[in-house]
Amino acid sequence: MSWEPVIGLEIHVHLKTRTKMFCRCPVAYFEPPNTQTCPVCLALPGSLPVPNRKAVEWTVLLGLALGCEIAEHAVFHRKNYFYPDNPKGYQISQYDEPLCVNGRVPVPALDGDIEVGIVRAHLEEDAAKTVHVGGAEGRIHGSESSLVDFNRAGTPLVEIVTAPDLRSSEDAKRFLQLLRQTVVELGISDAEMEKGSLRFDVNVSVREAGETGFRTRTELKNMNSFNFAAKGIEREIRRQIEIYEGGGEVEQETLHFDPGNESAAPLRSKEEAQDYRYFPEPDLVPLVPERELVERLRGELPEPPWARIRRLETEVGFSLAEGLVTAGRDELYSRTPGEREAVANVLMNELAAAGVDPATVNGEELGKVIAQRAEIPRAAFGEALAASGSDGFSAEAYLAETAIADVGELDPVIDRILSENEQQVEAYRGGKEGLLGFFVGQVMKETGGKANPQVVNERLREKLKA
């Protein structure tokens, strides 16, 4: 029997406004616990919320970037639930009248675009942060106690809900990477998963191939890594298929995925809207975005990441184009001259490994180094990349060094290395051609990285064939 996964995502993005959603406390990370609070975000009696205008504008901007319709009338609701990190006993969110609806994002793939519907993007306040003590990696399971830090309470949060249009863990991961890049480029969030300013929940179900309806779904909660999300989805798909093929039924529940042992322990049964008893927030008037504001923000939109992937694909192929865009390296690529695939490969590999911020790199000078990489020592090339983000970087100093390409100088070194490694020579001649890299490495070591790798490869192949 053939099974088809059905995947939907709920993505939560912290907006990097200066102050919180409904009060004037600073939005701050890594401050001492419970130092960025006030009567509003602690829900003390008599305190009243006042919306953050910038957060509303940025939510509209994100909605436009995701192809959404911007509501003429949006309403804040109270979402009622009891939890230690929710001091009011409810969260101010949006329910049936959100700011942004009916969007669509084309996710580029090798065999065409995957159209992912955006059901809604709505604005709300985040809860406080629960810190679990004694558990593995700070997780609730196995913890000895839990503490609450209210610094995060009230942080502006946009929740983006997709339609169940994704059919594989890889497609879900690709969409999340594109969404993160979109948010970062709009300048509305740093979207750092390590900080918790980007996190996501994944809804997963499976159905028989050809089936048109939807079966019971489960929710994987609070993922904060693209790779963990992909692993969690794969694991849940396998689990549900095993249940159905064993004659059982999948229960609707929320799961907490542990990437360490790739297990997903149940947290609670999955809530539905009626469980939250939504009703309009009586202390806030409806939002009515001005049409002039909406059109001004529409005019500020940059070229979206998915469009840039398709544009660059014609130059460097799909994989490199996708990598450049989702890693935020395509802007540097566009201002670095040279053979396009060579430039893209260096930016995605050697420069990334050097840990240099692409925004600081002088593209013109870097292009000169890349163009001459075969003519300069490997060590000089590496040093040039490492220094390419520094002020006043110039290729000239590194291009002055020339790689050893004289066969008369290289041959004695190569002959000595081959004579000292007779076992590896016999293994190579016996079919283990991967050992060529070992010999190249030895030559580079002997010459202090100054040998021309292309010449070394050619001479080694000739001598090993003899």
Protein backbone atom coordinates (compact mmCIF):
# COMPACT_ATOMS: atom_id res chain seq x y z
CA MET A 1 0.00 0.00 0.00
CA SER A 2 1.28 3.45 -0.93
CA TRP A 3 0.92 6.33 1.52
CA GLU A 4 1.01 10.11 1.02
CA PRO A 5 2.08 12.50 3.80
CA VAL A 6 0.01 15.65 4.36
CA ILE A 7 1.90 18.43 6.15
CA GLY A 8 0.90 21.88 7.36
CA LEU A 9 2.97 24.37 9.33
CA GLU A 10 2.38 26.98 12.02
CA ILE A 11 5.32 29.37 12.20
CA HIS A 12 5.86 31.86 15.02
CA VAL A 13 8.07 34.90 14.35
CA HIS A 14 9.14 37.43 16.98
CA LEU A 15 9.08 40.95 15.57
CA LYS A 16 12.14 42.98 16.51
CA THR A 17 10.26 46.08 17.58
CA ARG A 18 11.87 48.21 20.27
CA THR A 19 9.01 47.60 22.69
CA LYS A 20 6.46 44.87 23.42
CA MET A 21 3.09 44.41 21.74
CA PHE A 22 0.80 46.04 24.30
CA CYS A 23 3.14 47.89 26.67
CA ARG A 24 6.33 49.90 26.56
CA CYS A 25 8.69 47.34 28.10
CA PRO A 26 11.79 46.72 25.95
CA VAL A 27 11.95 43.62 23.78
CA ALA A 28 15.21 42.18 25.10
CA TYR A 29 16.91 38.80 25.11
CA PHE A 30 19.38 37.39 27.62
CA GLU A 31 18.56 39.97 30.30
CA PRO A 32 18.30 38.74 33.93
CA PRO A 33 14.97 36.95 34.45
CA ASN A 34 11.90 39.07 35.20
CA THR A 35 13.63 42.44 34.78
CA GLN A 36 11.82 43.60 31.58
CA THR A 37 8.28 43.68 32.95
CA CYS A 38 5.48 46.08 33.94
CA PRO A 39 1.89 45.86 35.22
CA VAL A 40 0.59 45.28 31.66
CA CYS A 41 2.73 42.29 30.72
CA LEU A 42 2.41 40.87 34.24
CA ALA A 43 -1.40 41.23 33.97
CA LEU A 44 -1.81 43.19 37.20
CA PRO A 45 -5.34 44.42 37.96
CA GLY A 46 -6.33 47.68 36.29
CA SER A 47 -3.65 47.59 33.55
CA LEU A 48 -4.78 48.14 29.94
CA PRO A 49 -3.15 47.18 26.61
CA VAL A 50 -2.12 49.71 23.93
CA PRO A 51 -1.18 48.20 20.50
CA ASN A 52 2.26 48.69 18.99
CA ARG A 53 1.79 50.49 15.64
CA LYS A 54 5.10 49.30 14.22
CA ALA A 55 4.17 45.66 14.92
CA VAL A 56 0.92 46.14 12.99
CA GLU A 57 2.77 47.70 10.03
CA TRP A 58 5.36 44.91 9.93
CA THR A 59 2.65 42.25 10.02
CA VAL A 60 0.99 43.90 7.02
CA LEU A 61 4.37 44.04 5.25
CA LEU A 62 4.92 40.31 5.85
CA GLY A 63 1.40 39.51 4.69
CA LEU A 64 2.03 41.36 1.43
CA ALA A 65 5.32 39.50 0.92
CA LEU A 66 3.44 36.21 1.32
CA GLY A 67 0.82 37.22 -1.25
CA CYS A 68 -1.92 37.74 1.33
CA GLU A 69 -5.01 39.91 1.19
CA ILE A 70 -4.88 42.61 3.88
CA ALA A 71 -8.09 42.83 5.88
CA GLU A 72 -9.99 46.11 5.94
CA HIS A 73 -11.14 45.25 9.47
CA ALA A 74 -9.17 43.03 11.89
CA VAL A 75 -10.07 42.16 15.46
CA PHE A 76 -8.03 41.14 18.49
CA HIS A 77 -9.50 38.23 20.46
CA ARG A 78 -8.88 36.69 23.85
CA LYS A 79 -7.63 33.12 23.54
CA ASN A 80 -8.42 31.56 26.91
CA TYR A 81 -6.20 28.90 28.43
CA PHE A 82 -4.46 28.33 31.75
CA TYR A 83 -0.72 27.75 31.86
CA PRO A 84 2.07 29.00 34.18
CA ASP A 85 3.58 31.21 31.45
CA ASN A 86 0.26 32.95 30.75
CA PRO A 87 -0.37 35.41 33.62
CA LYS A 88 -3.72 36.75 32.36
CA GLY A 89 -5.26 33.32 31.84
CA TYR A 90 -5.71 34.35 28.20
CA GLN A 91 -3.54 35.47 25.29
CA ILE A 92 -4.42 38.48 23.13
CA SER A 93 -4.44 37.03 19.62
CA GLN A 94 -6.59 37.13 16.47
CA TYR A 95 -9.18 34.54 15.55
CA ASP A 96 -11.70 34.79 12.69
CA GLU A 97 -10.74 38.32 11.57
CA PRO A 98 -6.92 38.32 11.25
CA LEU A 99 -4.84 40.97 9.50
CA CYS A 100 -3.64 38.80 6.59
CA VAL A 101 -5.45 35.98 4.76
CA ASN A 102 -5.43 33.87 1.59
CA GLY A 103 -1.77 34.11 0.63
CA ARG A 104 0.28 31.87 -1.62
CA VAL A 105 4.01 31.14 -1.79
CA PRO A 106 5.64 29.26 -4.70
CA VAL A 107 8.38 27.02 -3.31
CA PRO A 108 10.94 26.25 -6.02
CA ALA A 109 11.90 22.59 -6.48
CA LEU A 110 13.86 20.71 -9.13
CA ASP A 111 10.74 19.59 -10.97
CA GLY A 112 8.71 22.82 -10.66
CA ASP A 113 7.16 25.04 -8.03
CA ILE A 114 5.16 23.74 -5.06
CA GLU A 115 2.29 26.12 -4.34
CA VAL A 116 1.84 26.53 -0.59
CA GLY A 117 -1.27 28.33 0.57
CA ILE A 118 -1.07 30.79 3.46
CA VAL A 119 -4.32 30.50 5.38
CA ARG A 120 -3.55 33.44 7.64
CA ALA A 121 -0.84 35.56 9.22
CA HIS A 122 -2.05 37.11 12.45
CA LEU A 123 -0.59 39.25 15.19
CA GLU A 124 -0.52 38.29 18.86
CA GLU A 125 1.54 38.53 22.02
CA ASP A 126 3.97 35.83 23.07
CA ALA A 127 3.75 34.01 26.38
CA ALA A 128 6.45 34.09 29.05
CA LYS A 129 9.29 31.59 28.91
CA THR A 130 9.16 28.45 31.02
CA VAL A 131 12.64 27.26 32.01
CA HIS A 132 12.77 23.55 32.80
CA VAL A 133 15.45 22.63 35.34
CA GLY A 134 17.14 19.24 35.39
CA GLY A 135 15.74 17.87 32.13
CA ALA A 136 17.68 16.85 29.06
CA GLU A 137 18.57 19.93 26.98
CA GLY A 138 16.13 22.07 28.99
CA ARG A 139 13.10 20.02 27.93
CA ILE A 140 10.07 19.41 30.11
CA HIS A 141 10.37 15.63 30.05
CA GLY A 142 12.62 14.48 32.85
CA SER A 143 12.91 17.94 34.43
CA GLU A 144 12.88 18.37 38.20
CA SER A 145 11.16 21.76 38.30
CA SER A 146 10.07 24.66 36.08
CA LEU A 147 10.63 28.40 36.49
CA VAL A 148 8.91 31.24 34.61
CA ASP A 149 10.72 34.24 33.12
CA PHE A 150 8.24 36.99 32.18
CA ASN A 151 10.72 39.04 30.12
CA ARG A 152 9.32 37.44 26.93
CA ALA A 153 5.66 37.93 27.92
CA GLY A 154 4.02 40.38 25.53
CA THR A 155 6.67 40.23 22.78
CA PRO A 156 5.02 40.91 19.38
CA LEU A 157 4.53 37.60 17.61
CA VAL A 158 3.26 36.85 14.11
CA GLU A 159 1.80 33.40 13.55
CA ILE A 160 1.76 32.17 9.95
CA VAL A 161 -0.50 29.20 9.22
CA THR A 162 -0.09 27.29 5.97
CA ALA A 163 -2.59 25.11 4.18
CA PRO A 164 -1.79 21.35 4.28
CA ASP A 165 -0.08 21.57 0.88
CA LEU A 166 3.31 20.03 1.67
CA ARG A 167 3.95 16.37 0.86
CA SER A 168 7.43 15.62 2.20
CA SER A 169 9.79 16.59 5.00
CA GLU A 170 12.20 18.03 2.43
CA ASP A 171 9.52 20.31 0.97
CA ALA A 172 8.60 21.48 4.49
CA LYS A 173 12.24 22.23 5.27
CA ARG A 174 12.62 24.13 1.99
CA PHE A 175 9.53 26.25 2.73
CA LEU A 176 10.75 27.07 6.24
CA GLN A 177 14.15 28.17 4.92
CA LEU A 178 12.51 30.43 2.34
CA LEU A 179 10.17 31.92 4.93
CA ARG A 180 13.00 32.63 7.32
CA GLN A 181 15.00 34.37 4.58
CA THR A 182 11.94 36.44 3.64
CA VAL A 183 11.46 37.61 7.23
CA VAL A 184 15.14 38.50 7.64
CA GLU A 185 15.29 40.43 4.36
CA LEU A 186 12.17 42.43 5.26
CA GLY A 187 14.05 43.56 8.38
CA ILE A 188 11.17 42.70 10.73
CA SER A 189 12.90 39.91 12.70
CA ASP A 190 16.32 38.35 13.09
CA ALA A 191 14.52 34.95 13.03
CA GLU A 192 17.21 33.25 15.10
CA MET A 193 16.06 29.83 16.17
CA GLU A 194 18.71 29.65 18.90
CA LYS A 195 17.14 32.73 20.53
CA GLY A 196 13.61 31.48 20.04
CA SER A 197 12.65 34.36 17.73
CA LEU A 198 11.64 31.78 15.11
CA ARG A 199 9.95 28.53 16.02
CA PHE A 200 7.36 26.33 14.39
CA ASP A 201 4.84 23.58 14.95
CA VAL A 202 4.22 20.87 12.36
CA ASN A 203 0.89 19.18 11.67
CA VAL A 204 1.30 15.73 10.13
CA SER A 205 -1.13 13.14 8.80
CA VAL A 206 -0.94 10.42 6.17
CA ARG A 207 -3.48 9.04 3.72
CA GLU A 208 -3.55 6.41 1.02
CA ALA A 209 -2.26 7.54 -2.37
CA GLY A 210 -5.21 8.85 -4.37
CA GLU A 211 -7.31 9.57 -1.27
CA THR A 212 -8.75 13.09 -1.32
CA GLY A 213 -9.92 13.55 2.27
CA PHE A 214 -7.80 14.25 5.31
CA ARG A 215 -7.21 11.82 8.16
CA THR A 216 -6.46 12.53 11.83
CA ARG A 217 -3.42 14.75 12.31
CA THR A 218 -0.90 15.11 15.09
CA GLU A 219 1.10 18.20 15.99
CA LEU A 220 4.84 18.27 16.62
CA LYS A 221 5.37 21.19 18.97
CA ASN A 222 7.96 23.98 19.19
CA MET A 223 10.56 22.88 16.67
CA ASN A 224 13.58 25.20 16.47
CA SER A 225 15.76 23.59 13.80
CA PHE A 226 15.10 22.89 10.13
CA ASN A 227 16.90 19.55 10.36
CA PHE A 228 15.04 18.58 13.55
CA ALA A 229 11.76 19.43 11.85
CA ALA A 230 12.62 17.20 8.90
CA LYS A 231 13.61 14.34 11.22
CA GLY A 232 10.50 14.79 13.33
CA ILE A 233 8.23 14.74 10.28
CA GLU A 234 9.90 11.60 8.91
CA ARG A 235 9.57 9.87 12.25
CA GLU A 236 5.89 10.81 12.61
CA ILE A 237 5.08 9.71 9.05
CA ARG A 238 6.60 6.28 9.76
CA ARG A 239 4.74 6.01 13.08
CA GLN A 240 1.34 6.79 11.57
CA ILE A 241 1.84 4.41 8.64
CA GLU A 242 2.75 1.62 11.08
CA ILE A 243 -0.42 2.31 13.10
CA TYR A 244 -2.71 2.19 10.05
CA GLU A 245 -1.03 -0.88 8.58
CA GLY A 246 -1.38 -2.58 11.97
CA GLY A 247 -5.12 -1.98 11.93
CA GLY A 248 -5.11 0.88 14.45
CA GLU A 249 -6.25 4.50 14.40
CA VAL A 250 -4.12 7.61 14.88
CA GLU A 251 -5.15 9.73 17.87
CA GLN A 252 -5.26 13.51 17.56
CA GLU A 253 -2.64 14.75 20.00
CA THR A 254 0.27 17.14 20.50
CA LEU A 255 3.73 15.57 20.57
CA HIS A 256 7.06 16.88 21.86
CA PHE A 257 9.84 15.75 19.50
CA ASP A 258 13.18 14.99 21.15
CA PRO A 259 15.89 15.16 18.45
CA GLY A 260 18.43 13.43 20.69
CA ASN A 261 16.76 10.03 20.54
CA GLU A 262 14.27 10.91 17.78
CA SER A 263 11.30 10.14 20.00
CA ALA A 264 8.08 12.12 20.32
CA ALA A 265 6.37 11.92 23.69
CA PRO A 266 2.69 13.00 23.86
CA LEU A 267 2.07 16.27 25.72
CA ARG A 268 -1.73 16.50 25.56
CA SER A 269 -4.68 15.91 23.30
CA LYS A 270 -4.78 18.43 20.45
CA GLU A 271 -7.00 21.44 21.16
CA GLU A 272 -9.58 22.81 18.76
CA ALA A 273 -10.75 26.42 18.50
CA GLN A 274 -13.74 25.83 20.78
CA ASP A 275 -11.40 24.75 23.57
CA TYR A 276 -10.02 28.28 23.74
CA ARG A 277 -13.41 30.06 24.06
CA TYR A 278 -12.38 32.95 21.81
CA PHE A 279 -14.20 36.27 22.14
CA PRO A 280 -13.29 39.83 21.02
CA GLU A 281 -10.85 41.67 23.30
CA PRO A 282 -13.07 44.29 25.00
CA ASP A 283 -10.12 46.60 25.80
CA LEU A 284 -9.00 47.06 22.17
CA VAL A 285 -10.76 48.60 19.17
CA PRO A 286 -10.61 46.81 15.78
CA LEU A 287 -7.66 47.47 13.46
CA VAL A 288 -8.48 49.27 10.21
CA PRO A 289 -5.28 49.44 8.10
CA GLU A 290 -5.19 52.58 5.98
CA ARG A 291 -5.16 51.80 2.24
CA GLU A 292 -2.40 54.36 1.71
CA LEU A 293 -0.26 52.53 4.26
CA VAL A 294 -0.90 49.17 2.61
CA GLU A 295 0.07 50.46 -0.84
CA ARG A 296 3.17 52.22 0.51
CA LEU A 297 4.32 48.98 2.14
CA ARG A 298 3.57 47.04 -1.05
CA GLY A 299 5.88 49.38 -2.92
CA GLU A 300 8.69 48.67 -0.43
CA LEU A 301 8.73 44.91 -1.05
CA PRO A 302 12.07 43.54 -2.34
CA GLU A 303 12.31 40.76 -4.93
CA PRO A 304 11.22 37.61 -3.05
CA PRO A 305 13.68 34.75 -2.42
CA TRP A 306 11.72 32.27 -4.56
CA ALA A 307 11.93 34.59 -7.58
CA ARG A 308 15.68 35.05 -7.11
CA ILE A 309 16.21 31.28 -6.97
CA ARG A 310 14.56 30.89 -10.37
CA ARG A 311 16.54 33.81 -11.79
CA LEU A 312 19.90 32.50 -10.55
CA GLU A 313 19.06 28.92 -11.55
CA THR A 314 19.77 29.81 -15.18
CA GLU A 315 23.32 30.80 -14.22
CA VAL A 316 24.43 28.19 -11.67
CA GLY A 317 21.78 25.46 -11.56
CA PHE A 318 19.04 24.85 -9.02
CA SER A 319 21.03 23.52 -6.05
CA LEU A 320 23.56 26.35 -5.99
CA ALA A 321 20.87 28.97 -6.62
CA GLU A 322 18.76 27.68 -3.74
CA GLY A 323 21.79 27.51 -1.46
CA LEU A 324 22.91 31.06 -2.28
CA VAL A 325 19.48 32.55 -1.62
CA THR A 326 18.51 30.63 1.53
CA ALA A 327 21.96 31.27 3.03
CA GLY A 328 21.72 34.99 2.27
CA ARG A 329 24.78 34.89 0.00
CA ASP A 330 23.20 35.84 -3.32
CA GLU A 331 23.70 39.57 -2.76
CA LEU A 332 27.47 39.02 -2.48
CA TYR A 333 27.31 36.68 -5.47
CA SER A 334 25.70 39.45 -7.54
CA ARG A 335 28.57 41.87 -6.85
CA THR A 336 31.43 39.37 -7.21
CA PRO A 337 32.73 39.16 -10.81
CA GLY A 338 34.03 35.98 -12.38
CA GLU A 339 32.90 32.65 -13.79
CA ARG A 340 29.51 32.23 -12.17
CA GLU A 341 29.65 28.63 -10.95
CA ALA A 342 33.18 29.12 -9.63
CA VAL A 343 32.09 32.19 -7.66
CA ALA A 344 28.97 30.44 -6.33
CA ASN A 345 30.93 27.37 -5.20
CA VAL A 346 33.50 29.45 -3.33
CA LEU A 347 30.80 31.50 -1.58
CA MET A 348 28.88 28.39 -0.53
CA ASN A 349 31.88 26.34 0.55
CA GLU A 350 35.25 27.89 1.34
CA LEU A 351 33.95 31.35 2.28
CA ALA A 352 31.16 29.88 4.41
CA ALA A 353 33.68 27.62 6.18
CA ALA A 354 35.83 30.69 6.89
CA GLY A 355 32.91 32.23 8.81
CA VAL A 356 33.09 35.57 7.01
CA ASP A 357 29.96 37.77 7.01
CA PRO A 358 28.98 38.15 3.31
CA ALA A 359 27.77 41.71 3.89
CA THR A 360 31.29 42.86 4.83
CA VAL A 361 33.10 41.36 1.81
CA ASN A 362 34.54 43.47 -1.01
CA GLY A 363 33.12 41.55 -3.98
CA GLU A 364 35.38 43.10 -6.61
CA GLU A 365 38.56 42.15 -4.77
CA LEU A 366 37.24 38.69 -3.88
CA GLY A 367 36.47 38.08 -7.55
CA LYS A 368 40.11 38.73 -8.42
CA VAL A 369 41.26 36.13 -5.89
CA ILE A 370 38.78 33.52 -7.13
CA ALA A 371 39.83 34.08 -10.74
CA GLN A 372 43.48 33.37 -9.85
CA ARG A 373 42.97 30.60 -7.29
CA ALA A 374 44.76 28.01 -9.45
CA GLU A 375 47.80 30.27 -9.71
CA ILE A 376 48.33 31.04 -6.04
CA PRO A 377 49.19 28.71 -3.14
CA ARG A 378 46.26 27.08 -1.39
CA ALA A 379 47.32 28.65 1.90
CA ALA A 380 47.31 32.12 0.33
CA PHE A 381 43.84 31.50 -1.09
CA GLY A 382 42.56 30.52 2.35
CA GLU A 383 44.17 33.55 3.97
CA ALA A 384 42.61 35.82 1.35
CA LEU A 385 39.13 34.44 2.02
CA ALA A 386 39.54 34.83 5.77
CA ALA A 387 40.60 38.46 5.31
CA SER A 388 38.03 39.32 2.61
CA GLY A 389 35.60 40.86 5.11
CA SER A 390 38.14 43.18 6.73
CA ASP A 391 38.44 46.91 6.02
CA GLY A 392 40.78 47.73 3.18
CA PHE A 393 40.98 44.15 1.89
CA SER A 394 42.94 43.98 -1.35
CA ALA A 395 43.63 40.97 -3.56
CA GLU A 396 47.01 42.31 -4.65
CA ALA A 397 49.01 41.07 -1.67
CA TYR A 398 47.74 37.51 -2.09
CA LEU A 399 48.06 37.42 -5.88
CA ALA A 400 51.74 38.33 -5.54
CA GLU A 401 52.35 34.82 -4.21
CA THR A 402 52.63 32.25 -6.95
CA ALA A 403 52.03 28.55 -6.69
CA ILE A 404 54.84 26.16 -7.57
CA ALA A 405 54.01 24.86 -11.06
CA ASP A 406 57.54 23.97 -12.25
CA VAL A 407 57.57 20.23 -12.96
CA GLY A 408 61.32 20.11 -12.35
CA GLU A 409 60.74 21.41 -8.82
CA LEU A 410 57.69 19.28 -8.06
CA ASP A 411 58.76 15.90 -9.48
CA PRO A 412 61.45 15.14 -6.85
CA VAL A 413 58.91 15.84 -4.08
CA ILE A 414 56.29 13.61 -5.73
CA ASP A 415 58.81 10.79 -6.36
CA ARG A 416 59.90 10.83 -2.72
CA ILE A 417 56.31 10.70 -1.43
CA LEU A 418 55.43 7.80 -3.72
CA SER A 419 58.53 5.85 -2.65
CA GLU A 420 57.69 6.41 1.02
CA ASN A 421 54.10 5.17 0.58
CA GLU A 422 54.46 1.99 -1.45
CA GLN A 423 51.41 0.32 0.11
CA GLN A 424 49.14 3.20 -0.85
CA VAL A 425 50.64 3.21 -4.37
CA GLU A 426 49.79 -0.48 -4.82
CA ALA A 427 46.30 0.09 -3.42
CA TYR A 428 45.73 2.95 -5.86
CA ARG A 429 46.89 0.84 -8.78
CA GLY A 430 44.62 -1.92 -7.50
CA GLY A 431 41.56 0.31 -7.98
CA LYS A 432 41.39 2.55 -4.90
CA GLU A 433 41.60 5.79 -6.88
CA GLY A 434 40.29 7.81 -3.94
CA LEU A 435 43.83 7.65 -2.57
CA LEU A 436 44.82 10.32 -5.09
CA GLY A 437 43.62 12.90 -2.56
CA PHE A 438 45.99 11.41 0.03
CA PHE A 439 48.97 11.86 -2.29
CA VAL A 440 47.92 15.41 -3.23
CA GLY A 441 47.64 16.25 0.47
CA GLN A 442 51.14 14.93 1.16
CA VAL A 443 52.61 17.00 -1.67
CA MET A 444 50.82 20.12 -0.44
CA LYS A 445 52.11 19.44 3.06
CA GLU A 446 55.69 19.07 1.83
CA THR A 447 55.51 22.28 -0.17
CA GLY A 448 53.81 24.28 2.56
CA GLY A 449 50.65 24.55 0.48
CA LYS A 450 52.49 26.36 -2.31
CA ALA A 451 52.23 23.71 -5.03
CA ASN A 452 49.79 24.22 -7.89
CA PRO A 453 47.07 21.60 -7.18
CA GLN A 454 46.23 21.15 -10.86
CA VAL A 455 49.83 20.40 -11.81
CA VAL A 456 50.22 18.11 -8.78
CA ASN A 457 47.13 16.13 -9.81
CA GLU A 458 48.37 15.75 -13.37
CA ARG A 459 51.89 14.64 -12.39
CA LEU A 460 50.58 12.18 -9.78
CA ARG A 461 48.18 10.56 -12.26
CA GLU A 462 50.96 10.14 -14.80
CA LYS A 463 53.40 8.63 -12.31
CA LEU A 464 50.79 6.33 -10.74
CA LYS A 465 49.86 4.97 -14.14
CA ALA A 466 53.50 4.18 -14.97
